Amino acid sequence: MRILLTGAEGFTGQVFAKRAVAAGHAVIALQSDLTHREALHQEVLALAPDAVVHLAAISFVGHANEAAFYAVNVVGTTHLLDALLQLPARPARVLLASSANVYGNTAQSPITESQPPAPINHYGMSKLAMEFMARTYNERLNLVVARPFNYTGSGQDAHFLIPKLAAHFAARAPSIELGNLNVEREFNDVRMVCDAYLLLLAHGEPGETYNICSGRPYALRRVIETFAQMTSHNLRMEINPAFVRANEVHRLCGDPQKLRTLLSKHGATLYEPALEETLGRMLFPIEN
């Protein structure tokens, strides 16, 4: 397929493009700013893609400009979907990357797609607003929504937690400033997430939402211990109150059954790298 990819220069976009090309697809990176409606419409009309993977977003929960979450994640996505509607031949499938942050704090674990969303920060709220807005296009576009749980990998920006830890351990720094250590997350591999996106392009059911997850949560302290074992180095952990979020999601673990059932139906499987493999690739980067 000729896949139009938004956010191609981002962490996930770069990995997705490599894996999509390796799978035999052609990837076309969107150049227009999502907030520039007319330029976006003209570019989409000229490209006429077979499929779309929409990754572009403000994804750092601690981003300072709250309004930007909605301008890009909601209004920008609306501009994109409107542009796709004007194509003479509409894409066979459009995948929208949402986020497990839409679930917020919930007593249920692991979390299924039927769990009522309850976001507790602007990032999660903007992603949920994007999802609800996108539903109004379900009769006109073949839309699939993906909700990835926490993932990481080589090449992720160091203002995210796991690459920050990897950089400090690799440099054998004496200490590191962190926020709340008492959280549990899935720390999945970006390659797994990108492969899941490709499989959803091929097999996802129109109008459906799928968790992208492993169902394996880890305490942050376990990640720190793993880095320490791999490097034979111990970091002094210093809690910086400025890094402690007021609305912290304490435990985030997904139920992957819906996606696994879909893939099994089509004879497909998804490789899920172990935590140690993912962290090792971040300490000692190799080609993705």
C-alpha atoms as a PDB file:
ATOM      1  CA  MET A   1       0.000   0.000   0.000  1.00  0.00           C
ATOM      2  CA  ARG A   2       0.908   3.648  -0.351  1.00  0.00           C
ATOM      3  CA  ILE A   3       0.666   4.762   3.276  1.00  0.00           C
ATOM      4  CA  LEU A   4       0.349   8.430   4.157  1.00  0.00           C
ATOM      5  CA  LEU A   5       2.142   8.848   7.481  1.00  0.00           C
ATOM      6  CA  THR A   6       1.726  11.832   9.768  1.00  0.00           C
ATOM      7  CA  GLY A   7       4.355  12.428  12.417  1.00  0.00           C
ATOM      8  CA  ALA A   8       6.954  10.705  10.238  1.00  0.00           C
ATOM      9  CA  GLU A   9       9.840  12.614  11.830  1.00  0.00           C
ATOM     10  CA  GLY A  10       8.846  11.619  15.355  1.00  0.00           C
ATOM     11  CA  PHE A  11      10.155   8.730  17.425  1.00  0.00           C
ATOM     12  CA  THR A  12       7.351   6.328  16.521  1.00  0.00           C
ATOM     13  CA  GLY A  13       7.028   7.610  12.964  1.00  0.00           C
ATOM     14  CA  GLN A  14      10.651   6.876  12.097  1.00  0.00           C
ATOM     15  CA  VAL A  15      10.415   3.317  13.397  1.00  0.00           C
ATOM     16  CA  PHE A  16       7.052   2.744  11.720  1.00  0.00           C
ATOM     17  CA  ALA A  17       8.353   3.977   8.350  1.00  0.00           C
ATOM     18  CA  LYS A  18      11.307   1.559   8.456  1.00  0.00           C
ATOM     19  CA  ARG A  19       9.145  -1.403   9.357  1.00  0.00           C
ATOM     20  CA  ALA A  20       6.449  -0.539   6.834  1.00  0.00           C
ATOM     21  CA  VAL A  21       8.991  -0.263   4.013  1.00  0.00           C
ATOM     22  CA  ALA A  22      10.568  -3.549   5.110  1.00  0.00           C
ATOM     23  CA  ALA A  23       7.102  -5.106   4.847  1.00  0.00           C
ATOM     24  CA  GLY A  24       6.809  -3.951   1.235  1.00  0.00           C
ATOM     25  CA  HIS A  25       4.767  -0.763   1.608  1.00  0.00           C
ATOM     26  CA  ALA A  26       5.547   2.709   0.277  1.00  0.00           C
ATOM     27  CA  VAL A  27       5.491   5.386   2.973  1.00  0.00           C
ATOM     28  CA  ILE A  28       4.705   9.006   2.143  1.00  0.00           C
ATOM     29  CA  ALA A  29       5.474  11.478   4.922  1.00  0.00           C
ATOM     30  CA  LEU A  30       2.949  14.280   5.333  1.00  0.00           C
ATOM     31  CA  GLN A  31       4.732  17.626   5.090  1.00  0.00           C
ATOM     32  CA  SER A  32       1.919  20.022   5.967  1.00  0.00           C
ATOM     33  CA  ASP A  33       1.242  21.306   9.468  1.00  0.00           C
ATOM     34  CA  LEU A  34      -1.999  19.739  10.703  1.00  0.00           C
ATOM     35  CA  THR A  35      -3.190  23.111  11.914  1.00  0.00           C
ATOM     36  CA  HIS A  36      -2.831  24.648   8.411  1.00  0.00           C
ATOM     37  CA  ARG A  37      -6.068  23.425   6.908  1.00  0.00           C
ATOM     38  CA  GLU A  38      -5.805  24.601   3.300  1.00  0.00           C
ATOM     39  CA  ALA A  39      -2.207  23.473   2.760  1.00  0.00           C
ATOM     40  CA  LEU A  40      -3.067  20.119   4.321  1.00  0.00           C
ATOM     41  CA  HIS A  41      -6.067  19.632   2.033  1.00  0.00           C
ATOM     42  CA  GLN A  42      -4.030  20.419  -1.070  1.00  0.00           C
ATOM     43  CA  GLU A  43      -1.258  18.015  -0.121  1.00  0.00           C
ATOM     44  CA  VAL A  44      -3.617  15.143   0.694  1.00  0.00           C
ATOM     45  CA  LEU A  45      -5.509  15.631  -2.564  1.00  0.00           C
ATOM     46  CA  ALA A  46      -2.244  15.480  -4.525  1.00  0.00           C
ATOM     47  CA  LEU A  47      -0.986  12.354  -2.729  1.00  0.00           C
ATOM     48  CA  ALA A  48      -4.173  10.217  -2.866  1.00  0.00           C
ATOM     49  CA  PRO A  49      -2.911   7.495  -0.459  1.00  0.00           C
ATOM     50  CA  ASP A  50      -4.198   3.928  -0.176  1.00  0.00           C
ATOM     51  CA  ALA A  51      -4.074   4.059   3.627  1.00  0.00           C
ATOM     52  CA  VAL A  52      -3.291   6.531   6.396  1.00  0.00           C
ATOM     53  CA  VAL A  53      -1.470   6.146   9.711  1.00  0.00           C
ATOM     54  CA  HIS A  54      -1.992   9.217  11.862  1.00  0.00           C
ATOM     55  CA  LEU A  55       0.725   9.463  14.500  1.00  0.00           C
ATOM     56  CA  ALA A  56       1.306  13.219  14.615  1.00  0.00           C
ATOM     57  CA  ALA A  57       0.426  14.613  18.033  1.00  0.00           C
ATOM     58  CA  ILE A  58       1.738  16.423  21.049  1.00  0.00           C
ATOM     59  CA  SER A  59       2.477  13.356  23.148  1.00  0.00           C
ATOM     60  CA  PHE A  60       4.539  14.558  26.114  1.00  0.00           C
ATOM     61  CA  VAL A  61       2.133  14.639  29.056  1.00  0.00           C
ATOM     62  CA  GLY A  62       4.124  17.399  30.729  1.00  0.00           C
ATOM     63  CA  HIS A  63       3.985  19.732  27.706  1.00  0.00           C
ATOM     64  CA  ALA A  64       3.678  23.315  28.957  1.00  0.00           C
ATOM     65  CA  ASN A  65       1.185  24.624  26.384  1.00  0.00           C
ATOM     66  CA  GLU A  66      -2.165  23.085  27.314  1.00  0.00           C
ATOM     67  CA  ALA A  67      -4.032  24.653  24.394  1.00  0.00           C
ATOM     68  CA  ALA A  68      -1.634  23.025  21.939  1.00  0.00           C
ATOM     69  CA  PHE A  69      -2.887  19.556  22.915  1.00  0.00           C
ATOM     70  CA  TYR A  70      -6.318  20.406  21.521  1.00  0.00           C
ATOM     71  CA  ALA A  71      -5.126  22.488  18.553  1.00  0.00           C
ATOM     72  CA  VAL A  72      -3.013  19.612  17.246  1.00  0.00           C
ATOM     73  CA  ASN A  73      -4.586  16.441  18.611  1.00  0.00           C
ATOM     74  CA  VAL A  74      -8.231  17.379  18.026  1.00  0.00           C
ATOM     75  CA  VAL A  75      -8.513  20.220  15.522  1.00  0.00           C
ATOM     76  CA  GLY A  76      -5.517  18.994  13.502  1.00  0.00           C
ATOM     77  CA  THR A  77      -7.005  15.505  13.261  1.00  0.00           C
ATOM     78  CA  THR A  78     -10.307  17.007  12.124  1.00  0.00           C
ATOM     79  CA  HIS A  79      -8.486  18.834   9.342  1.00  0.00           C
ATOM     80  CA  LEU A  80      -6.861  15.564   8.261  1.00  0.00           C
ATOM     81  CA  LEU A  81     -10.120  13.589   8.185  1.00  0.00           C
ATOM     82  CA  ASP A  82     -11.866  16.369   6.281  1.00  0.00           C
ATOM     83  CA  ALA A  83      -9.052  16.308   3.742  1.00  0.00           C
ATOM     84  CA  LEU A  84      -9.446  12.547   3.272  1.00  0.00           C
ATOM     85  CA  LEU A  85     -13.149  12.977   2.584  1.00  0.00           C
ATOM     86  CA  GLN A  86     -12.400  15.116  -0.470  1.00  0.00           C
ATOM     87  CA  LEU A  87     -10.413  12.345  -2.197  1.00  0.00           C
ATOM     88  CA  PRO A  88     -12.075  10.780  -5.259  1.00  0.00           C
ATOM     89  CA  ALA A  89     -11.021   7.350  -3.923  1.00  0.00           C
ATOM     90  CA  ARG A  90     -10.962   7.317  -0.138  1.00  0.00           C
ATOM     91  CA  PRO A  91      -8.262   5.331   1.704  1.00  0.00           C
ATOM     92  CA  ALA A  92      -8.919   1.654   2.359  1.00  0.00           C
ATOM     93  CA  ARG A  93      -8.195   2.210   6.042  1.00  0.00           C
ATOM     94  CA  VAL A  94      -7.255   5.083   8.351  1.00  0.00           C
ATOM     95  CA  LEU A  95      -5.512   4.265  11.627  1.00  0.00           C
ATOM     96  CA  LEU A  96      -5.659   6.885  14.380  1.00  0.00           C
ATOM     97  CA  ALA A  97      -3.155   6.567  17.206  1.00  0.00           C
ATOM     98  CA  SER A  98      -4.866   7.487  20.448  1.00  0.00           C
ATOM     99  CA  SER A  99      -3.466   6.591  23.881  1.00  0.00           C
ATOM    100  CA  ALA A 100      -4.103   4.452  26.945  1.00  0.00           C
ATOM    101  CA  ASN A 101      -3.984   7.737  28.855  1.00  0.00           C
ATOM    102  CA  VAL A 102      -7.692   8.081  28.019  1.00  0.00           C
ATOM    103  CA  TYR A 103      -8.412   5.506  30.759  1.00  0.00           C
ATOM    104  CA  GLY A 104      -6.941   7.637  33.555  1.00  0.00           C
ATOM    105  CA  ASN A 105      -6.776   6.069  37.017  1.00  0.00           C
ATOM    106  CA  THR A 106      -8.971   3.008  37.297  1.00  0.00           C
ATOM    107  CA  ALA A 107      -9.291   0.176  39.791  1.00  0.00           C
ATOM    108  CA  GLN A 108      -9.711  -2.284  36.911  1.00  0.00           C
ATOM    109  CA  SER A 109      -6.530  -4.014  35.803  1.00  0.00           C
ATOM    110  CA  PRO A 110      -5.795  -5.112  33.212  1.00  0.00           C
ATOM    111  CA  ILE A 111      -7.902  -2.556  31.338  1.00  0.00           C
ATOM    112  CA  THR A 112     -10.136  -3.647  28.470  1.00  0.00           C
ATOM    113  CA  GLU A 113     -11.439  -1.467  25.664  1.00  0.00           C
ATOM    114  CA  SER A 114     -14.872  -1.464  27.325  1.00  0.00           C
ATOM    115  CA  GLN A 115     -13.533   0.416  30.359  1.00  0.00           C
ATOM    116  CA  PRO A 116     -15.186   3.886  30.474  1.00  0.00           C
ATOM    117  CA  PRO A 117     -12.539   6.523  29.740  1.00  0.00           C
ATOM    118  CA  ALA A 118     -11.692   8.949  32.541  1.00  0.00           C
ATOM    119  CA  PRO A 119      -8.603  10.973  31.542  1.00  0.00           C
ATOM    120  CA  ILE A 120      -6.908  13.039  34.227  1.00  0.00           C
ATOM    121  CA  ASN A 121      -4.593  15.239  32.140  1.00  0.00           C
ATOM    122  CA  HIS A 122      -4.853  17.384  29.019  1.00  0.00           C
ATOM    123  CA  TYR A 123      -2.994  14.865  26.871  1.00  0.00           C
ATOM    124  CA  GLY A 124      -5.448  12.084  27.695  1.00  0.00           C
ATOM    125  CA  MET A 125      -8.422  14.438  27.430  1.00  0.00           C
ATOM    126  CA  SER A 126      -7.350  15.671  23.991  1.00  0.00           C
ATOM    127  CA  LYS A 127      -6.913  12.102  22.751  1.00  0.00           C
ATOM    128  CA  LEU A 128     -10.363  11.149  24.013  1.00  0.00           C
ATOM    129  CA  ALA A 129     -11.843  14.228  22.339  1.00  0.00           C
ATOM    130  CA  MET A 130     -10.114  13.146  19.122  1.00  0.00           C
ATOM    131  CA  GLU A 131     -11.679   9.696  19.409  1.00  0.00           C
ATOM    132  CA  PHE A 132     -15.193  11.053  19.926  1.00  0.00           C
ATOM    133  CA  MET A 133     -14.777  13.522  17.083  1.00  0.00           C
ATOM    134  CA  ALA A 134     -13.513  10.754  14.784  1.00  0.00           C
ATOM    135  CA  ARG A 135     -16.630   8.667  15.448  1.00  0.00           C
ATOM    136  CA  THR A 136     -18.637  11.184  13.442  1.00  0.00           C
ATOM    137  CA  TYR A 137     -16.642  10.048  10.371  1.00  0.00           C
ATOM    138  CA  ASN A 138     -17.289   6.309  10.808  1.00  0.00           C
ATOM    139  CA  GLU A 139     -19.943   6.187   8.090  1.00  0.00           C
ATOM    140  CA  ARG A 140     -17.650   7.909   5.602  1.00  0.00           C
ATOM    141  CA  LEU A 141     -14.159   6.603   6.380  1.00  0.00           C
ATOM    142  CA  ASN A 142     -12.827   3.176   7.354  1.00  0.00           C
ATOM    143  CA  LEU A 143     -11.405   4.210  10.735  1.00  0.00           C
ATOM    144  CA  VAL A 144      -9.561   2.110  13.292  1.00  0.00           C
ATOM    145  CA  VAL A 145      -8.444   3.567  16.631  1.00  0.00           C
ATOM    146  CA  ALA A 146      -5.375   2.236  18.461  1.00  0.00           C
ATOM    147  CA  ARG A 147      -4.759   2.871  22.153  1.00  0.00           C
ATOM    148  CA  PRO A 148      -1.104   2.072  22.817  1.00  0.00           C
ATOM    149  CA  PHE A 149       0.013   1.638  26.399  1.00  0.00           C
ATOM    150  CA  ASN A 150       3.424   2.930  27.495  1.00  0.00           C
ATOM    151  CA  TYR A 151       6.205   2.049  25.105  1.00  0.00           C
ATOM    152  CA  THR A 152       9.787   3.065  24.592  1.00  0.00           C
ATOM    153  CA  GLY A 153      12.879   2.219  22.575  1.00  0.00           C
ATOM    154  CA  SER A 154      16.140   3.424  21.128  1.00  0.00           C
ATOM    155  CA  GLY A 155      15.787   6.932  19.703  1.00  0.00           C
ATOM    156  CA  GLN A 156      13.090   8.199  22.059  1.00  0.00           C
ATOM    157  CA  ASP A 157      13.676  11.730  23.329  1.00  0.00           C
ATOM    158  CA  ALA A 158      15.499  11.935  26.654  1.00  0.00           C
ATOM    159  CA  HIS A 159      12.778  14.022  28.285  1.00  0.00           C
ATOM    160  CA  PHE A 160      10.792  10.785  28.460  1.00  0.00           C
ATOM    161  CA  LEU A 161      11.535   8.690  31.518  1.00  0.00           C
ATOM    162  CA  ILE A 162      13.052   5.449  30.207  1.00  0.00           C
ATOM    163  CA  PRO A 163      15.505   7.024  27.728  1.00  0.00           C
ATOM    164  CA  LYS A 164      16.494   9.468  30.469  1.00  0.00           C
ATOM    165  CA  LEU A 165      17.331   6.544  32.719  1.00  0.00           C
ATOM    166  CA  ALA A 166      19.172   4.741  29.914  1.00  0.00           C
ATOM    167  CA  ALA A 167      21.318   7.801  29.192  1.00  0.00           C
ATOM    168  CA  HIS A 168      22.256   8.225  32.847  1.00  0.00           C
ATOM    169  CA  PHE A 169      23.151   4.560  33.301  1.00  0.00           C
ATOM    170  CA  ALA A 170      25.119   4.467  30.039  1.00  0.00           C
ATOM    171  CA  ALA A 171      27.096   7.533  31.130  1.00  0.00           C
ATOM    172  CA  ARG A 172      27.559   6.039  34.615  1.00  0.00           C
ATOM    173  CA  ALA A 173      26.252   9.250  36.125  1.00  0.00           C
ATOM    174  CA  PRO A 174      26.358   9.425  39.938  1.00  0.00           C
ATOM    175  CA  SER A 175      22.726  10.476  40.364  1.00  0.00           C
ATOM    176  CA  ILE A 176      19.461  11.263  38.596  1.00  0.00           C
ATOM    177  CA  GLU A 177      16.477  13.451  39.450  1.00  0.00           C
ATOM    178  CA  LEU A 178      13.114  11.736  39.082  1.00  0.00           C
ATOM    179  CA  GLY A 179       9.484  12.240  40.009  1.00  0.00           C
ATOM    180  CA  ASN A 180       7.192   9.589  41.472  1.00  0.00           C
ATOM    181  CA  LEU A 181       8.918   6.211  41.712  1.00  0.00           C
ATOM    182  CA  ASN A 182       5.801   4.404  42.896  1.00  0.00           C
ATOM    183  CA  VAL A 183       4.180   3.832  39.519  1.00  0.00           C
ATOM    184  CA  GLU A 184       3.600   0.743  37.419  1.00  0.00           C
ATOM    185  CA  ARG A 185       3.526   0.764  33.654  1.00  0.00           C
ATOM    186  CA  GLU A 186       3.856  -1.476  30.687  1.00  0.00           C
ATOM    187  CA  PHE A 187       7.171  -0.627  29.073  1.00  0.00           C
ATOM    188  CA  ASN A 188       6.575  -2.140  25.667  1.00  0.00           C
ATOM    189  CA  ASP A 189       8.861  -1.942  22.662  1.00  0.00           C
ATOM    190  CA  VAL A 190       8.182   0.644  19.962  1.00  0.00           C
ATOM    191  CA  ARG A 191       8.789  -2.046  17.345  1.00  0.00           C
ATOM    192  CA  MET A 192       5.901  -4.086  18.733  1.00  0.00           C
ATOM    193  CA  VAL A 193       3.618  -1.059  18.602  1.00  0.00           C
ATOM    194  CA  CYS A 194       4.554  -0.273  14.995  1.00  0.00           C
ATOM    195  CA  ASP A 195       4.041  -3.892  13.942  1.00  0.00           C
ATOM    196  CA  ALA A 196       0.618  -3.789  15.612  1.00  0.00           C
ATOM    197  CA  TYR A 197      -0.253  -0.697  13.580  1.00  0.00           C
ATOM    198  CA  LEU A 198       0.672  -2.514  10.380  1.00  0.00           C
ATOM    199  CA  LEU A 199      -1.441  -5.515  11.363  1.00  0.00           C
ATOM    200  CA  LEU A 200      -4.397  -3.250  12.161  1.00  0.00           C
ATOM    201  CA  LEU A 201      -4.055  -1.647   8.729  1.00  0.00           C
ATOM    202  CA  ALA A 202      -4.461  -5.102   7.247  1.00  0.00           C
ATOM    203  CA  HIS A 203      -7.029  -6.652   9.589  1.00  0.00           C
ATOM    204  CA  GLY A 204      -8.601  -4.025  11.870  1.00  0.00           C
ATOM    205  CA  GLU A 205     -12.397  -3.909  11.904  1.00  0.00           C
ATOM    206  CA  PRO A 206     -13.918  -0.555  10.823  1.00  0.00           C
ATOM    207  CA  GLY A 207     -15.034   1.612  13.710  1.00  0.00           C
ATOM    208  CA  GLU A 208     -13.292  -0.536  16.336  1.00  0.00           C
ATOM    209  CA  THR A 209     -10.803   0.458  19.032  1.00  0.00           C
ATOM    210  CA  TYR A 210      -7.892  -1.765  20.036  1.00  0.00           C
ATOM    211  CA  ASN A 211      -5.504  -1.697  22.976  1.00  0.00           C
ATOM    212  CA  ILE A 212      -1.881  -2.067  21.916  1.00  0.00           C
ATOM    213  CA  CYS A 213      -0.361  -3.686  24.946  1.00  0.00           C
ATOM    214  CA  SER A 214       1.282  -6.787  26.393  1.00  0.00           C
ATOM    215  CA  GLY A 215      -0.584  -6.974  29.689  1.00  0.00           C
ATOM    216  CA  ARG A 216       2.793  -7.053  31.487  1.00  0.00           C
ATOM    217  CA  PRO A 217       3.229  -4.100  33.881  1.00  0.00           C
ATOM    218  CA  TYR A 218       6.480  -3.366  35.697  1.00  0.00           C
ATOM    219  CA  ALA A 219       7.164  -1.216  38.717  1.00  0.00           C
ATOM    220  CA  LEU A 220       9.493   1.631  37.812  1.00  0.00           C
ATOM    221  CA  ARG A 221      11.897   0.375  40.463  1.00  0.00           C
ATOM    222  CA  ARG A 222      12.139  -2.921  38.527  1.00  0.00           C
ATOM    223  CA  VAL A 223      13.234  -1.003  35.428  1.00  0.00           C
ATOM    224  CA  ILE A 224      15.880   0.825  37.456  1.00  0.00           C
ATOM    225  CA  GLU A 225      17.129  -2.458  38.929  1.00  0.00           C
ATOM    226  CA  THR A 226      17.339  -3.992  35.444  1.00  0.00           C
ATOM    227  CA  PHE A 227      19.428  -1.097  34.141  1.00  0.00           C
ATOM    228  CA  ALA A 228      21.677  -1.419  37.198  1.00  0.00           C
ATOM    229  CA  GLN A 229      22.206  -5.124  36.589  1.00  0.00           C
ATOM    230  CA  MET A 230      22.961  -4.568  32.904  1.00  0.00           C
ATOM    231  CA  THR A 231      25.534  -1.856  33.565  1.00  0.00           C
ATOM    232  CA  SER A 232      26.880  -2.970  36.960  1.00  0.00           C
ATOM    233  CA  HIS A 233      26.289   0.598  38.030  1.00  0.00           C
ATOM    234  CA  ASN A 234      24.062   2.098  40.718  1.00  0.00           C
ATOM    235  CA  LEU A 235      22.460   5.526  40.376  1.00  0.00           C
ATOM    236  CA  ARG A 236      21.476   7.617  43.348  1.00  0.00           C
ATOM    237  CA  MET A 237      17.775   8.438  42.974  1.00  0.00           C
ATOM    238  CA  GLU A 238      16.857  11.995  43.943  1.00  0.00           C
ATOM    239  CA  ILE A 239      13.187  12.974  44.010  1.00  0.00           C
ATOM    240  CA  ASN A 240      12.596  16.392  42.457  1.00  0.00           C
ATOM    241  CA  PRO A 241       9.174  17.748  43.488  1.00  0.00           C
ATOM    242  CA  ALA A 242       9.011  19.634  40.166  1.00  0.00           C
ATOM    243  CA  PHE A 243       8.887  16.271  38.363  1.00  0.00           C
ATOM    244  CA  VAL A 244       6.029  14.898  40.471  1.00  0.00           C
ATOM    245  CA  ARG A 245       2.791  15.287  38.510  1.00  0.00           C
ATOM    246  CA  ALA A 246      -0.311  16.366  40.353  1.00  0.00           C
ATOM    247  CA  ASN A 247      -2.508  14.020  38.296  1.00  0.00           C
ATOM    248  CA  GLU A 248      -0.353  10.922  38.049  1.00  0.00           C
ATOM    249  CA  VAL A 249      -1.756   7.676  36.663  1.00  0.00           C
ATOM    250  CA  HIS A 250      -0.451   5.203  39.245  1.00  0.00           C
ATOM    251  CA  ARG A 251      -0.925   1.889  37.410  1.00  0.00           C
ATOM    252  CA  LEU A 252      -1.535   1.418  33.718  1.00  0.00           C
ATOM    253  CA  CYS A 253      -1.845  -2.095  32.355  1.00  0.00           C
ATOM    254  CA  GLY A 254      -3.869  -3.172  29.343  1.00  0.00           C
ATOM    255  CA  ASP A 255      -5.716  -6.302  28.298  1.00  0.00           C
ATOM    256  CA  PRO A 256      -4.471  -7.364  24.835  1.00  0.00           C
ATOM    257  CA  GLN A 257      -7.142 -10.023  24.272  1.00  0.00           C
ATOM    258  CA  LYS A 258      -9.191  -8.116  21.693  1.00  0.00           C
ATOM    259  CA  LEU A 259      -6.171  -7.532  19.455  1.00  0.00           C
ATOM    260  CA  ARG A 260      -4.903 -11.080  19.934  1.00  0.00           C
ATOM    261  CA  THR A 261      -8.301 -12.502  18.999  1.00  0.00           C
ATOM    262  CA  LEU A 262      -8.360 -10.397  15.834  1.00  0.00           C
ATOM    263  CA  LEU A 263      -4.864 -11.477  14.834  1.00  0.00           C
ATOM    264  CA  SER A 264      -5.570 -15.132  15.582  1.00  0.00           C
ATOM    265  CA  LYS A 265      -8.624 -14.963  13.332  1.00  0.00           C
ATOM    266  CA  HIS A 266      -6.325 -13.930  10.466  1.00  0.00           C
ATOM    267  CA  GLY A 267      -3.458 -16.261  11.320  1.00  0.00           C
ATOM    268  CA  ALA A 268      -1.217 -13.375  12.374  1.00  0.00           C
ATOM    269  CA  THR A 269       1.011 -12.984  15.419  1.00  0.00           C
ATOM    270  CA  LEU A 270       2.695 -10.055  17.141  1.00  0.00           C
ATOM    271  CA  TYR A 271       6.208 -10.349  18.524  1.00  0.00           C
ATOM    272  CA  GLU A 272       6.475  -8.816  22.007  1.00  0.00           C
ATOM    273  CA  PRO A 273      10.123  -8.226  23.016  1.00  0.00           C
ATOM    274  CA  ALA A 274      10.996  -8.852  26.660  1.00  0.00           C
ATOM    275  CA  LEU A 275      11.737  -5.842  28.865  1.00  0.00           C
ATOM    276  CA  GLU A 276      15.423  -6.770  29.023  1.00  0.00           C
ATOM    277  CA  GLU A 277      15.696  -6.797  25.230  1.00  0.00           C
ATOM    278  CA  THR A 278      14.109  -3.372  24.915  1.00  0.00           C
ATOM    279  CA  LEU A 279      16.252  -1.816  27.636  1.00  0.00           C
ATOM    280  CA  GLY A 280      19.387  -3.441  26.227  1.00  0.00           C
ATOM    281  CA  ARG A 281      18.780  -1.867  22.830  1.00  0.00           C
ATOM    282  CA  MET A 282      18.508   1.524  24.523  1.00  0.00           C
ATOM    283  CA  LEU A 283      21.781   1.096  26.414  1.00  0.00           C
ATOM    284  CA  PHE A 284      23.583  -0.226  23.358  1.00  0.00           C
ATOM    285  CA  PRO A 285      21.687   1.197  20.344  1.00  0.00           C
ATOM    286  CA  ILE A 286      21.590  -0.805  17.138  1.00  0.00           C
ATOM    287  CA  GLU A 287      19.652  -0.367  13.905  1.00  0.00           C
ATOM    288  CA  ASN A 288      15.891  -0.695  14.464  1.00  0.00           C
END
